[in-house]
Amino acid sequence: MTNLPPGKVTQVIAAITGLAFALAWVSGLQQQLALVAGFIPARAGGLLILEGALPAWLTPLSATLVHAGLLHLGFNLLLFVYVGRHVESVIGGMPSLILYVAGAYAAALLHWAISPGETVPMVGASGAISATFGAYAVFFSRSRTEGLGPLSPFAVRVLWLASAWIFIQSLIGMASMGGRVAIFAHIGGFVIGLALARPLLLWRYRRA
């Protein structure tokens, strides 16, 4: 990764996420933190009251700091640092932070829409990272592909990257979290990344 472009915001997000996991691991409070800081759809819809937990509106973001396993965390951060620094080199630091936060909330929103009564906490930064990965697909997807029916070559490349990302996340999630994978959270994050990539790029240069 020596040739990666600089990305201070990406590195800070990765460092905070890694530190939060390390503190939870050392303290042995991973399960408790999943309950109080993880995103629980039933709480977001008012179907479940959990005393002592963070406000439900904050948990899509706080959930990104809680992880169920080292394998998932390590893979996510490795890919996030690579992809995130490239995206940050295009849109800048503050837009990269906005993209990450938007990804966290978009992931939680779609997860809630699909499973509003779910009581198992959703934890991990995969949804937020999916947004960065979606933006990366917009800016750096240059592989040679052909259109498929009404789909343009660009659309085919984006769909391929999305499918590959979700498939890999599913494999790692099943290995580290006992088979519970919030697939639609990844989709929600990826889609918002696709949608915000160019608007954030325009915003950056309008502010310049």
Protein backbone atom coordinates (compact mmCIF):
# COMPACT_ATOMS: atom_id res chain seq x y z
CA MET A 1 0.00 0.00 0.00
CA THR A 2 3.03 2.28 -0.30
CA ASN A 3 1.72 3.88 -3.49
CA LEU A 4 -1.68 4.77 -2.11
CA PRO A 5 -2.74 8.41 -2.23
CA PRO A 6 -2.95 10.19 1.12
CA GLY A 7 -6.24 9.98 2.96
CA LYS A 8 -6.24 11.45 6.45
CA VAL A 9 -9.97 11.09 7.07
CA THR A 10 -9.95 7.48 5.88
CA GLN A 11 -7.02 6.67 8.13
CA VAL A 12 -8.65 8.33 11.15
CA ILE A 13 -11.91 6.40 10.62
CA ALA A 14 -9.96 3.13 10.30
CA ALA A 15 -7.89 3.89 13.40
CA ILE A 16 -10.93 4.76 15.53
CA THR A 17 -12.74 1.62 14.34
CA GLY A 18 -9.76 -0.59 15.10
CA LEU A 19 -9.22 1.00 18.51
CA ALA A 20 -12.88 0.55 19.45
CA PHE A 21 -12.69 -3.14 18.57
CA ALA A 22 -9.48 -3.58 20.56
CA LEU A 23 -10.97 -1.92 23.65
CA ALA A 24 -14.11 -4.04 23.42
CA TRP A 25 -12.01 -7.19 22.96
CA VAL A 26 -9.74 -6.47 25.92
CA SER A 27 -12.63 -5.51 28.20
CA GLY A 28 -14.67 -8.57 27.22
CA LEU A 29 -17.74 -6.39 26.67
CA GLN A 30 -18.40 -7.22 23.02
CA GLN A 31 -21.79 -8.79 23.61
CA GLN A 32 -22.96 -6.01 25.92
CA LEU A 33 -21.79 -3.34 23.48
CA ALA A 34 -23.63 -5.05 20.65
CA LEU A 35 -26.86 -4.59 22.59
CA VAL A 36 -26.36 -1.00 23.70
CA ALA A 37 -24.60 0.33 20.58
CA GLY A 38 -25.69 -2.01 17.78
CA PHE A 39 -28.52 -1.19 15.40
CA ILE A 40 -31.68 -3.12 16.32
CA PRO A 41 -34.51 -2.62 13.80
CA ALA A 42 -37.20 -3.29 16.40
CA ARG A 43 -35.83 -0.42 18.50
CA ALA A 44 -35.81 1.94 15.52
CA GLY A 45 -39.48 1.21 14.91
CA GLY A 46 -40.47 1.58 18.55
CA LEU A 47 -41.27 -2.11 18.93
CA LEU A 48 -38.57 -2.71 21.52
CA ILE A 49 -37.47 -0.67 24.53
CA LEU A 50 -33.96 -1.34 25.78
CA GLU A 51 -32.97 0.47 28.98
CA GLY A 52 -29.43 1.84 29.09
CA ALA A 53 -28.87 1.63 25.33
CA LEU A 54 -27.76 4.51 23.14
CA PRO A 55 -30.55 6.46 21.41
CA ALA A 56 -31.88 4.43 18.50
CA TRP A 57 -31.19 7.25 16.02
CA LEU A 58 -27.48 7.14 16.91
CA THR A 59 -27.01 3.37 16.66
CA PRO A 60 -26.55 3.16 12.86
CA LEU A 61 -23.32 5.08 13.45
CA SER A 62 -22.27 3.56 16.78
CA ALA A 63 -22.80 0.08 15.32
CA THR A 64 -19.86 0.71 12.96
CA LEU A 65 -17.57 0.65 16.00
CA VAL A 66 -18.74 -2.75 17.24
CA HIS A 67 -17.57 -5.92 15.49
CA ALA A 68 -18.27 -9.58 16.09
CA GLY A 69 -14.94 -10.94 14.90
CA LEU A 70 -11.35 -10.08 14.06
CA LEU A 71 -11.56 -11.62 10.58
CA HIS A 72 -14.41 -9.40 9.46
CA LEU A 73 -12.86 -6.30 11.02
CA GLY A 74 -9.45 -6.97 9.50
CA PHE A 75 -10.76 -7.58 6.00
CA ASN A 76 -13.05 -4.57 6.13
CA LEU A 77 -10.37 -2.18 7.33
CA LEU A 78 -7.80 -3.47 4.85
CA LEU A 79 -10.17 -2.92 1.95
CA PHE A 80 -11.51 0.35 3.38
CA VAL A 81 -8.04 1.89 3.68
CA TYR A 82 -7.23 0.95 0.09
CA VAL A 83 -10.56 1.97 -1.44
CA GLY A 84 -11.19 4.88 0.92
CA ARG A 85 -7.89 6.62 0.26
CA HIS A 86 -8.49 6.45 -3.48
CA VAL A 87 -12.00 7.86 -3.09
CA GLU A 88 -10.78 10.57 -0.70
CA SER A 89 -8.18 11.62 -3.28
CA VAL A 90 -11.06 12.36 -5.65
CA ILE A 91 -13.75 13.93 -3.44
CA GLY A 92 -11.75 15.17 -0.43
CA GLY A 93 -11.82 14.53 3.30
CA MET A 94 -15.10 16.04 4.46
CA PRO A 95 -17.12 14.54 1.58
CA SER A 96 -15.52 11.18 2.38
CA LEU A 97 -16.74 11.47 5.97
CA ILE A 98 -20.23 12.43 4.78
CA LEU A 99 -20.20 9.43 2.43
CA TYR A 100 -19.23 7.08 5.26
CA VAL A 101 -21.90 8.37 7.64
CA ALA A 102 -24.53 8.32 4.89
CA GLY A 103 -23.58 4.73 4.16
CA ALA A 104 -24.05 3.75 7.78
CA TYR A 105 -27.55 5.24 7.87
CA ALA A 106 -28.56 3.96 4.43
CA ALA A 107 -27.47 0.46 5.44
CA ALA A 108 -29.50 0.63 8.64
CA LEU A 109 -32.53 2.06 6.85
CA LEU A 110 -32.73 -0.71 4.26
CA HIS A 111 -32.06 -3.36 6.91
CA TRP A 112 -34.95 -1.92 8.95
CA ALA A 113 -37.23 -1.74 5.90
CA ILE A 114 -36.64 -5.42 5.14
CA SER A 115 -36.72 -6.68 8.74
CA PRO A 116 -38.55 -4.10 10.92
CA GLY A 117 -39.20 -6.56 13.72
CA GLU A 118 -35.64 -7.91 13.95
CA THR A 119 -34.32 -7.95 17.52
CA VAL A 120 -30.77 -9.15 16.81
CA PRO A 121 -28.28 -6.25 16.77
CA MET A 122 -26.61 -5.40 13.49
CA VAL A 123 -22.97 -4.51 14.13
CA GLY A 124 -19.96 -3.71 12.01
CA ALA A 125 -18.80 -1.08 9.54
CA SER A 126 -19.62 -3.09 6.42
CA GLY A 127 -22.63 -0.95 5.49
CA ALA A 128 -20.71 2.31 5.80
CA ILE A 129 -17.73 0.87 3.95
CA SER A 130 -20.11 -0.32 1.23
CA ALA A 131 -20.87 3.33 0.46
CA THR A 132 -17.17 4.04 -0.06
CA PHE A 133 -16.93 0.94 -2.21
CA GLY A 134 -19.89 2.17 -4.27
CA ALA A 135 -18.16 5.51 -4.87
CA TYR A 136 -14.99 3.66 -5.81
CA ALA A 137 -16.99 1.71 -8.39
CA VAL A 138 -18.10 4.99 -9.95
CA PHE A 139 -14.66 6.60 -10.07
CA PHE A 140 -12.29 3.70 -10.66
CA SER A 141 -14.23 0.96 -12.44
CA ARG A 142 -12.25 0.75 -15.68
CA SER A 143 -12.26 -2.97 -16.43
CA ARG A 144 -13.25 -3.84 -19.98
CA THR A 145 -16.78 -5.16 -20.11
CA GLU A 146 -19.55 -5.24 -22.66
CA GLY A 147 -23.10 -4.06 -22.24
CA LEU A 148 -25.74 -6.63 -21.44
CA GLY A 149 -29.11 -5.98 -23.04
CA PRO A 150 -30.31 -2.56 -21.88
CA LEU A 151 -27.41 -2.28 -19.41
CA SER A 152 -24.45 -0.13 -20.37
CA PRO A 153 -20.86 -1.40 -19.88
CA PHE A 154 -20.60 0.90 -16.83
CA ALA A 155 -23.76 -0.57 -15.28
CA VAL A 156 -22.45 -4.10 -15.86
CA ARG A 157 -19.15 -3.23 -14.15
CA VAL A 158 -20.93 -1.67 -11.17
CA LEU A 159 -23.25 -4.67 -10.78
CA TRP A 160 -20.30 -7.03 -10.98
CA LEU A 161 -18.40 -5.13 -8.27
CA ALA A 162 -21.49 -4.95 -6.06
CA SER A 163 -22.10 -8.68 -6.42
CA ALA A 164 -18.46 -9.51 -5.67
CA TRP A 165 -18.43 -7.24 -2.60
CA ILE A 166 -21.64 -8.67 -1.16
CA PHE A 167 -20.55 -12.25 -1.88
CA ILE A 168 -17.22 -11.80 -0.09
CA GLN A 169 -18.93 -10.05 2.83
CA SER A 170 -21.36 -12.96 3.09
CA LEU A 171 -18.57 -15.54 3.20
CA ILE A 172 -16.62 -13.67 5.86
CA GLY A 173 -19.76 -12.84 7.81
CA MET A 174 -20.82 -16.48 7.93
CA ALA A 175 -17.36 -17.50 9.06
CA SER A 176 -17.13 -14.92 11.85
CA MET A 177 -20.75 -14.35 12.91
CA GLY A 178 -22.37 -17.75 12.70
CA GLY A 179 -24.25 -17.19 9.47
CA ARG A 180 -26.12 -13.96 10.32
CA VAL A 181 -25.33 -11.51 7.54
CA ALA A 182 -27.26 -8.30 6.88
CA ILE A 183 -27.12 -8.53 3.10
CA PHE A 184 -29.55 -5.68 2.51
CA ALA A 185 -27.47 -3.40 4.72
CA HIS A 186 -24.55 -3.90 2.33
CA ILE A 187 -26.81 -3.21 -0.61
CA GLY A 188 -28.17 -0.03 1.02
CA GLY A 189 -24.67 1.29 1.67
CA PHE A 190 -23.44 0.44 -1.81
CA VAL A 191 -26.41 2.11 -3.51
CA ILE A 192 -26.03 5.34 -1.54
CA GLY A 193 -22.35 5.34 -2.48
CA LEU A 194 -23.29 5.12 -6.14
CA ALA A 195 -25.83 7.91 -5.73
CA LEU A 196 -23.61 10.33 -3.78
CA ALA A 197 -20.30 9.86 -5.60
CA ARG A 198 -20.72 12.49 -8.31
CA PRO A 199 -22.76 14.99 -6.22
CA LEU A 200 -20.01 14.96 -3.57
CA LEU A 201 -17.39 15.44 -6.26
CA LEU A 202 -19.26 18.46 -7.62
CA TRP A 203 -19.71 19.81 -4.09
CA ARG A 204 -16.00 19.59 -3.46
CA TYR A 205 -15.09 21.68 -6.49
CA ARG A 206 -17.85 24.19 -5.95
CA ARG A 207 -16.38 24.84 -2.49
CA ALA A 208 -12.87 25.19 -3.88
